[in-house]
Amino acid sequence: MLLLLALLLAGVALYFDQEVPVALLSADTCYKMDLRPQPTWFTRAQWNQDESAFLLLEPTLANILQYSTARFGTKLIASSRATSERIVKFQVIPSGLILETSEDEIVWLDSSWNELRRQTLTGTENHALGIYRSSLDWYYYEGIFFSFGFIETPDGSWRSGLAAVRKQNKSFDILDEVPWESPARLFYQFGFNYLTATSTAVYFLNLSAGPKITEIALSGADDFVVRKLDAFPGGYETLPVLPTEMNRAAARAVYSTIENSKMIIGLFASESMLFLLERERSSDGATEWRLITINPTTDRIEAVQRLPTKAPHLVVVPGSRYWVLFEKGHVEDFGKQSTDNAILVPSAWIYSSTLEAHSGACG
């Protein structure tokens, strides 16, 4: 069996400055907490269904950890270290969890983490477009996997872009494209969150298009309405120049380039709004983090707010009551990066654009 889903207790509590479940936390107070045990390398995390705990994936260890805000501590909810397959991505859905393994299989779990079924995204064929060969990232929405990856065309050439892969794996459509020769293609390998969705549409950050946010709305069972949003901050016409060697040995140099660059490293959705996560090195050598709010309905930037952290790297998790900001250290080597703290920021501060007025409360 691929997954050992026995809900193993790690035996270590999650420590808050005030140790109470999230349900009892004040909705207008910022909390900073220590993560114990510290997770290893990770780039993504999500709240669980009722936002009583958050899940994060340690791809180098092939673990999914659940950090609860209650006193009972941390759970190892999925591990594949004993097998040749490894967990490389997950998504929380209302009915359970979707995992992706290193063998390009999608594994569906129910709310008790029992395996239901499997399918694959890669190998899907469209006679006119070619074969969907590789997926770097995906988002499951309304029975469709919206996946950024690589397509081998009928003439043997390659394309990269956002595809809609049907759950039944009958075919796929290309909805947006990142030119194969574009340096933007490399930035989708870092695990940054560039795919998200509201209740009405899927959104993809195309780094090669200026950049631009692409909106994909469903029209009936089989059609898509695709449009490019105009709303985007200026100054991103060119991307940082990455080292020529993109391998494990070059991890420190690659991430050092990112640390010294001004760039967008995340696209998120919450309620009906979109949020861009922007990083920039300040004159004192620290990192300034900003959250840029975009209203996709009016296609306008609504707010730009500075986040209450100077961490070298950040993983952000939106939520209905709290957003979580994981403060991460410098990348010392591939798979070696500390995560000292997590900050819980009341969502109301973000939605009302009053975050900076309360930033002193976050320590």
Foldseek 3Di string as FASTA:
>chain_A
DQKDQPFDQPPDWWFWPDQAFPVPDDLAFKTKTFGPPWAFDFFAKEAADVNQWIWTAQQVQLWIKIAGSHGSGITTRIGRNVDPKGWDDKDHDNQPIWTAIPVQKIWDAGNSRHTDDIDHQFQQADLQAATFHDFLDWDDDPQWTFTWGKGQGPVRDIWTATWTAGNVSNHIDGDGGDGPPDPQVVLSNPSFAQWEDENFWIWGFHLQVCIWIWTWGDDPDDDIDIDTQPADDDDSSDDQDADPDDDQQCVQRRLVSVLADWDWRYWYDDHQKIWTWIWHQDPVRFIWIWIWIARRVVSYTDAIGTALDRASDWHWYDDQSWIKIFRKHRDPGVRGITGTMIMTHGVVCVVVVNCVVCSVSRD
